[in-house]
Every structure is written in structure tokens, then in C-alpha cells.
């Protein structure tokens, strides 16, 4: 068995040998499903962010266009409201 550190909780854990029958599930680089799910929730909530500008935003600025999604006008007029 190989010993590694969990990417979420930093505790050491043993990696099971997958060639053995009935080996434990491997959640690498996490020690357990709990740590893997906790890390995924941080990504889904937007708590982890990869820095930099997106490629689409950079291309639009270079071409002198507005950023994608900057036109927030509605196709519906307020006059249609009852």
C-alpha cells in the first residue's frame, strides 16, 4: 500500500492496491468520499476560483466589442405589463 496525503484534510491515508480482490474504492487525491464531496461543494459554490480573464473576454476586448453577456436589455417592453 502507498501512503499519501489528502488534498482536502491533509491527513495521511493508505491507497489500496486495486489488483487485490475486494479492494477499497479509491477517491484519490482524497482520503474518502466525504472529503471528495466537500471539495466538490466548494467548487460548486464558487468558493474556489481560478485566476485570470477568460479567453472570450480577452478576445472581445481586443476587437473593441462589448463583453459577451453585457447586453442585458430585455426583449419584453414594460408597456406590455397589465
C-alpha atoms as a PDB file:
ATOM      1  CA  UNK A   1       0.000   0.000   0.000  1.00  0.00           C
ATOM      2  CA  UNK A   2       1.122   3.520  -0.771  1.00  0.00           C
ATOM      3  CA  UNK A   3       0.771   6.344   1.751  1.00  0.00           C
ATOM      4  CA  UNK A   4      -0.465   9.755   0.544  1.00  0.00           C
ATOM      5  CA  UNK A   5      -1.865  12.996   1.989  1.00  0.00           C
ATOM      6  CA  UNK A   6      -5.477  14.000   1.365  1.00  0.00           C
ATOM      7  CA  UNK A   7      -5.822  17.120  -0.815  1.00  0.00           C
ATOM      8  CA  UNK A   8      -8.674  18.387   1.386  1.00  0.00           C
ATOM      9  CA  UNK A   9      -7.991  17.490   5.024  1.00  0.00           C
ATOM     10  CA  UNK A  10      -4.209  16.837   4.706  1.00  0.00           C
ATOM     11  CA  UNK A  11      -4.380  13.599   6.719  1.00  0.00           C
ATOM     12  CA  UNK A  12      -2.302  10.651   5.557  1.00  0.00           C
ATOM     13  CA  UNK A  13      -4.138   7.677   4.104  1.00  0.00           C
ATOM     14  CA  UNK A  14      -3.266   4.354   2.548  1.00  0.00           C
ATOM     15  CA  UNK A  15      -4.034   3.781  -1.136  1.00  0.00           C
ATOM     16  CA  UNK A  16      -5.463   0.318  -1.632  1.00  0.00           C
ATOM     17  CA  UNK A  17      -3.895  -1.988  -4.219  1.00  0.00           C
ATOM     18  CA  UNK A  18      -6.532  -2.257  -6.960  1.00  0.00           C
ATOM     19  CA  UNK A  19      -5.147  -5.613  -8.123  1.00  0.00           C
ATOM     20  CA  UNK A  20      -6.420  -7.220  -4.915  1.00  0.00           C
ATOM     21  CA  UNK A  21      -9.985  -8.550  -4.835  1.00  0.00           C
ATOM     22  CA  UNK A  22     -12.408  -6.547  -2.690  1.00  0.00           C
ATOM     23  CA  UNK A  23     -10.061  -3.559  -2.578  1.00  0.00           C
ATOM     24  CA  UNK A  24     -11.474  -0.351  -1.105  1.00  0.00           C
ATOM     25  CA  UNK A  25     -12.672   2.343  -3.502  1.00  0.00           C
ATOM     26  CA  UNK A  26     -10.054   4.874  -4.452  1.00  0.00           C
ATOM     27  CA  UNK A  27     -11.023   8.555  -4.007  1.00  0.00           C
ATOM     28  CA  UNK A  28      -7.559   9.893  -4.896  1.00  0.00           C
ATOM     29  CA  UNK A  29      -6.378  12.557  -4.278  1.00  0.00           C
ATOM     30  CA  UNK A  30      -8.809  12.486  -1.331  1.00  0.00           C
ATOM     31  CA  UNK A  31      -8.838  10.085   1.608  1.00  0.00           C
ATOM     32  CA  UNK A  32     -12.583   9.462   1.497  1.00  0.00           C
ATOM     33  CA  UNK A  33     -15.825  10.185  -0.318  1.00  0.00           C
ATOM     34  CA  UNK A  34     -16.615  12.756   2.394  1.00  0.00           C
ATOM     35  CA  UNK A  35     -13.522  14.824   1.569  1.00  0.00           C
ATOM     36  CA  UNK A  36     -14.127  14.470  -2.186  1.00  0.00           C
ATOM     37  CA  UNK A  37     -17.730  15.678  -1.802  1.00  0.00           C
ATOM     38  CA  UNK A  38     -16.724  18.563   0.497  1.00  0.00           C
ATOM     39  CA  UNK A  39     -14.145  19.732  -2.050  1.00  0.00           C
ATOM     40  CA  UNK A  40     -16.703  19.484  -4.878  1.00  0.00           C
ATOM     41  CA  UNK A  41     -19.183  21.607  -2.904  1.00  0.00           C
ATOM     42  CA  UNK A  42     -16.578  24.362  -2.549  1.00  0.00           C
ATOM     43  CA  UNK A  43     -16.165  24.387  -6.354  1.00  0.00           C
ATOM     44  CA  UNK A  44     -19.920  24.385  -6.968  1.00  0.00           C
ATOM     45  CA  UNK A  45     -20.484  27.285  -4.549  1.00  0.00           C
ATOM     46  CA  UNK A  46     -17.784  29.315  -6.323  1.00  0.00           C
ATOM     47  CA  UNK A  47     -15.504  29.450  -3.302  1.00  0.00           C
ATOM     48  CA  UNK A  48     -12.556  28.219  -5.364  1.00  0.00           C
ATOM     49  CA  UNK A  49     -11.635  30.479  -8.276  1.00  0.00           C
ATOM     50  CA  UNK A  50      -9.033  30.073 -10.970  1.00  0.00           C
ATOM     51  CA  UNK A  51      -7.455  33.477 -11.546  1.00  0.00           C
ATOM     52  CA  UNK A  52      -7.203  35.295 -14.867  1.00  0.00           C
ATOM     53  CA  UNK A  53      -9.580  36.511 -17.514  1.00  0.00           C
ATOM     54  CA  UNK A  54     -11.429  34.172 -19.811  1.00  0.00           C
ATOM     55  CA  UNK A  55     -10.318  33.745 -23.410  1.00  0.00           C
ATOM     56  CA  UNK A  56     -13.644  35.003 -24.756  1.00  0.00           C
ATOM     57  CA  UNK A  57     -13.498  38.186 -22.688  1.00  0.00           C
ATOM     58  CA  UNK A  58      -9.920  38.887 -23.787  1.00  0.00           C
ATOM     59  CA  UNK A  59     -10.776  38.410 -27.497  1.00  0.00           C
ATOM     60  CA  UNK A  60     -13.792  40.736 -27.245  1.00  0.00           C
ATOM     61  CA  UNK A  61     -11.710  43.495 -25.643  1.00  0.00           C
ATOM     62  CA  UNK A  62      -9.046  43.172 -28.340  1.00  0.00           C
ATOM     63  CA  UNK A  63     -11.648  43.502 -31.107  1.00  0.00           C
ATOM     64  CA  UNK A  64     -13.235  46.523 -29.433  1.00  0.00           C
ATOM     65  CA  UNK A  65     -16.532  44.720 -28.848  1.00  0.00           C
ATOM     66  CA  UNK A  66     -18.577  44.577 -25.681  1.00  0.00           C
ATOM     67  CA  UNK A  67     -18.041  41.662 -23.408  1.00  0.00           C
ATOM     68  CA  UNK A  68     -20.316  38.666 -24.035  1.00  0.00           C
ATOM     69  CA  UNK A  69     -23.465  38.990 -21.961  1.00  0.00           C
ATOM     70  CA  UNK A  70     -23.035  42.727 -21.386  1.00  0.00           C
ATOM     71  CA  UNK A  71     -26.241  43.475 -23.317  1.00  0.00           C
ATOM     72  CA  UNK A  72     -28.832  42.860 -20.644  1.00  0.00           C
ATOM     73  CA  UNK A  73     -31.748  44.510 -22.440  1.00  0.00           C
ATOM     74  CA  UNK A  74     -34.998  42.620 -22.288  1.00  0.00           C
ATOM     75  CA  UNK A  75     -36.970  41.642 -25.389  1.00  0.00           C
ATOM     76  CA  UNK A  76     -40.100  42.464 -23.387  1.00  0.00           C
ATOM     77  CA  UNK A  77     -41.338  46.043 -23.088  1.00  0.00           C
ATOM     78  CA  UNK A  78     -42.692  47.474 -19.864  1.00  0.00           C
ATOM     79  CA  UNK A  79     -45.680  48.762 -21.866  1.00  0.00           C
ATOM     80  CA  UNK A  80     -47.000  45.210 -22.231  1.00  0.00           C
ATOM     81  CA  UNK A  81     -47.460  44.874 -18.464  1.00  0.00           C
ATOM     82  CA  UNK A  82     -51.039  44.958 -17.276  1.00  0.00           C
END
